[in-house]
Amino acid sequence: MTVDELRSKWLAFFSSKQHQVISSASLIPENDPSVLFTTAGMHPLVPYLLGEKHPAGVRLCDVQKCVRTGDIDEVGDAGHLTFFEMLGNWSLGDYFKKEAISWSW
């Protein structure tokens, strides 16, 4: 399976579970002076995870671009990456463990 196929299958699966596909946010966070880069898939969704309403609804999925620099001195081997993508499925107060665990399985 190619990376493009994996991304497509991920998004299609969660779309079939009534999730709205949202675009990847910028690697440089907007309106967040606490970090220089988006370092985790959940980072752009923090306001919504804390209770703000997301314009796309309560079930979301995405492929979020991320940068990590904590191990920047080790980058270059097979186990350390600086740029990568995180696949995410998000419930903003809609479902919890039962659905999340069964869909992950």
C-alpha atoms as a PDB file:
ATOM      1  CA  MET A   1       0.000   0.000   0.000  1.00  0.00           C
ATOM      2  CA  THR A   2       1.334   3.419  -0.899  1.00  0.00           C
ATOM      3  CA  VAL A   3       1.264   6.427   1.417  1.00  0.00           C
ATOM      4  CA  ASP A   4      -1.440   8.034  -0.730  1.00  0.00           C
ATOM      5  CA  GLU A   5      -3.579   4.879  -0.515  1.00  0.00           C
ATOM      6  CA  LEU A   6      -3.143   4.749   3.267  1.00  0.00           C
ATOM      7  CA  ARG A   7      -4.197   8.391   3.650  1.00  0.00           C
ATOM      8  CA  SER A   8      -7.213   7.844   1.390  1.00  0.00           C
ATOM      9  CA  LYS A   9      -8.320   4.688   3.210  1.00  0.00           C
ATOM     10  CA  TRP A  10      -8.004   6.406   6.605  1.00  0.00           C
ATOM     11  CA  LEU A  11     -10.098   9.378   5.554  1.00  0.00           C
ATOM     12  CA  ALA A  12     -12.662   7.185   3.750  1.00  0.00           C
ATOM     13  CA  PHE A  13     -13.091   4.933   6.794  1.00  0.00           C
ATOM     14  CA  PHE A  14     -13.792   7.806   9.158  1.00  0.00           C
ATOM     15  CA  SER A  15     -15.949   9.561   6.572  1.00  0.00           C
ATOM     16  CA  SER A  16     -18.085   6.410   6.588  1.00  0.00           C
ATOM     17  CA  LYS A  17     -18.482   6.976  10.353  1.00  0.00           C
ATOM     18  CA  GLN A  18     -19.885  10.490   9.764  1.00  0.00           C
ATOM     19  CA  HIS A  19     -16.600  12.337  10.312  1.00  0.00           C
ATOM     20  CA  GLN A  20     -15.934  15.491   8.310  1.00  0.00           C
ATOM     21  CA  VAL A  21     -12.533  15.552   6.611  1.00  0.00           C
ATOM     22  CA  ILE A  22     -10.661  18.717   7.557  1.00  0.00           C
ATOM     23  CA  SER A  23      -7.509  20.049   5.939  1.00  0.00           C
ATOM     24  CA  SER A  24      -4.090  19.948   7.521  1.00  0.00           C
ATOM     25  CA  ALA A  25      -3.311  23.130   9.394  1.00  0.00           C
ATOM     26  CA  SER A  26      -0.147  25.113   8.771  1.00  0.00           C
ATOM     27  CA  LEU A  27       3.145  23.913  10.216  1.00  0.00           C
ATOM     28  CA  ILE A  28       3.402  27.387  11.755  1.00  0.00           C
ATOM     29  CA  PRO A  29       0.529  27.669  14.240  1.00  0.00           C
ATOM     30  CA  GLU A  30      -1.814  30.612  13.928  1.00  0.00           C
ATOM     31  CA  ASN A  31      -2.705  32.592  17.052  1.00  0.00           C
ATOM     32  CA  ASP A  32      -0.526  30.433  19.321  1.00  0.00           C
ATOM     33  CA  PRO A  33       2.675  32.072  20.593  1.00  0.00           C
ATOM     34  CA  SER A  34       3.482  29.078  22.818  1.00  0.00           C
ATOM     35  CA  VAL A  35       5.109  27.004  20.050  1.00  0.00           C
ATOM     36  CA  LEU A  36       7.057  27.639  16.858  1.00  0.00           C
ATOM     37  CA  PHE A  37       5.722  24.635  14.925  1.00  0.00           C
ATOM     38  CA  THR A  38       2.760  22.282  14.848  1.00  0.00           C
ATOM     39  CA  THR A  39       4.237  19.334  16.739  1.00  0.00           C
ATOM     40  CA  ALA A  40       1.250  17.007  17.093  1.00  0.00           C
ATOM     41  CA  GLY A  41      -1.913  16.177  15.191  1.00  0.00           C
ATOM     42  CA  MET A  42      -4.093  17.510  17.972  1.00  0.00           C
ATOM     43  CA  HIS A  43      -2.341  20.870  18.236  1.00  0.00           C
ATOM     44  CA  PRO A  44      -4.530  22.773  15.715  1.00  0.00           C
ATOM     45  CA  LEU A  45      -7.658  21.382  17.417  1.00  0.00           C
ATOM     46  CA  VAL A  46      -6.847  22.423  20.996  1.00  0.00           C
ATOM     47  CA  PRO A  47      -9.458  25.220  21.129  1.00  0.00           C
ATOM     48  CA  TYR A  48     -12.122  22.767  19.985  1.00  0.00           C
ATOM     49  CA  LEU A  49     -10.966  20.026  22.342  1.00  0.00           C
ATOM     50  CA  LEU A  50     -11.365  22.601  25.118  1.00  0.00           C
ATOM     51  CA  GLY A  51     -14.969  23.333  24.178  1.00  0.00           C
ATOM     52  CA  GLU A  52     -15.114  25.828  21.304  1.00  0.00           C
ATOM     53  CA  LYS A  53     -17.454  24.800  18.483  1.00  0.00           C
ATOM     54  CA  HIS A  54     -15.731  23.586  15.297  1.00  0.00           C
ATOM     55  CA  PRO A  55     -17.376  24.847  12.104  1.00  0.00           C
ATOM     56  CA  ALA A  56     -17.291  21.349  10.555  1.00  0.00           C
ATOM     57  CA  GLY A  57     -19.063  19.653  13.471  1.00  0.00           C
ATOM     58  CA  VAL A  58     -18.275  17.227  16.281  1.00  0.00           C
ATOM     59  CA  ARG A  59     -16.726  14.354  14.299  1.00  0.00           C
ATOM     60  CA  LEU A  60     -13.570  15.205  12.396  1.00  0.00           C
ATOM     61  CA  CYS A  61     -10.701  13.381  10.705  1.00  0.00           C
ATOM     62  CA  ASP A  62      -7.497  14.658   9.174  1.00  0.00           C
ATOM     63  CA  VAL A  63      -3.937  14.082   8.080  1.00  0.00           C
ATOM     64  CA  GLN A  64      -1.933  16.720   9.950  1.00  0.00           C
ATOM     65  CA  LYS A  65       1.584  17.756   8.952  1.00  0.00           C
ATOM     66  CA  CYS A  66       3.919  17.973  11.987  1.00  0.00           C
ATOM     67  CA  VAL A  67       7.483  18.969  12.847  1.00  0.00           C
ATOM     68  CA  ARG A  68       9.422  17.631  15.805  1.00  0.00           C
ATOM     69  CA  THR A  69      12.716  19.022  16.971  1.00  0.00           C
ATOM     70  CA  GLY A  70      13.217  17.386  20.376  1.00  0.00           C
ATOM     71  CA  ASP A  71      15.619  14.871  18.887  1.00  0.00           C
ATOM     72  CA  ILE A  72      16.923  17.028  16.033  1.00  0.00           C
ATOM     73  CA  ASP A  73      20.505  15.890  16.698  1.00  0.00           C
ATOM     74  CA  GLU A  74      19.477  12.306  15.926  1.00  0.00           C
ATOM     75  CA  VAL A  75      17.655  13.026  12.657  1.00  0.00           C
ATOM     76  CA  GLY A  76      18.910  11.069   9.708  1.00  0.00           C
ATOM     77  CA  ASP A  77      18.613   7.491  10.915  1.00  0.00           C
ATOM     78  CA  ALA A  78      15.622   5.215  10.430  1.00  0.00           C
ATOM     79  CA  GLY A  79      14.122   6.010  13.832  1.00  0.00           C
ATOM     80  CA  HIS A  80      14.151   9.801  13.988  1.00  0.00           C
ATOM     81  CA  LEU A  81      12.039  12.035  11.818  1.00  0.00           C
ATOM     82  CA  THR A  82      11.613  15.783  11.834  1.00  0.00           C
ATOM     83  CA  PHE A  83       8.721  16.093   9.373  1.00  0.00           C
ATOM     84  CA  PHE A  84       5.850  13.616   9.332  1.00  0.00           C
ATOM     85  CA  GLU A  85       2.071  13.337   9.178  1.00  0.00           C
ATOM     86  CA  MET A  86      -0.320  12.225  11.893  1.00  0.00           C
ATOM     87  CA  LEU A  87      -3.615  10.575  11.019  1.00  0.00           C
ATOM     88  CA  GLY A  88      -6.331  11.770  13.353  1.00  0.00           C
ATOM     89  CA  ASN A  89      -9.944  11.052  14.168  1.00  0.00           C
ATOM     90  CA  TRP A  90     -11.602  13.422  16.590  1.00  0.00           C
ATOM     91  CA  SER A  91     -14.741  13.405  18.660  1.00  0.00           C
ATOM     92  CA  LEU A  92     -15.574  16.798  20.084  1.00  0.00           C
ATOM     93  CA  GLY A  93     -17.853  15.523  22.834  1.00  0.00           C
ATOM     94  CA  ASP A  94     -19.763  13.139  20.544  1.00  0.00           C
ATOM     95  CA  TYR A  95     -18.445   9.632  21.290  1.00  0.00           C
ATOM     96  CA  PHE A  96     -15.882   8.081  23.597  1.00  0.00           C
ATOM     97  CA  LYS A  97     -14.150   4.776  24.333  1.00  0.00           C
ATOM     98  CA  LYS A  98     -16.665   2.291  22.935  1.00  0.00           C
ATOM     99  CA  GLU A  99     -16.609   3.698  19.399  1.00  0.00           C
ATOM    100  CA  ALA A 100     -13.001   4.859  19.472  1.00  0.00           C
ATOM    101  CA  ILE A 101     -11.676   1.447  20.497  1.00  0.00           C
ATOM    102  CA  SER A 102     -13.823  -0.563  18.085  1.00  0.00           C
ATOM    103  CA  TRP A 103     -12.972   1.716  15.137  1.00  0.00           C
ATOM    104  CA  SER A 104      -9.279   1.591  15.994  1.00  0.00           C
ATOM    105  CA  TRP A 105      -9.379  -2.172  16.040  1.00  0.00           C
END
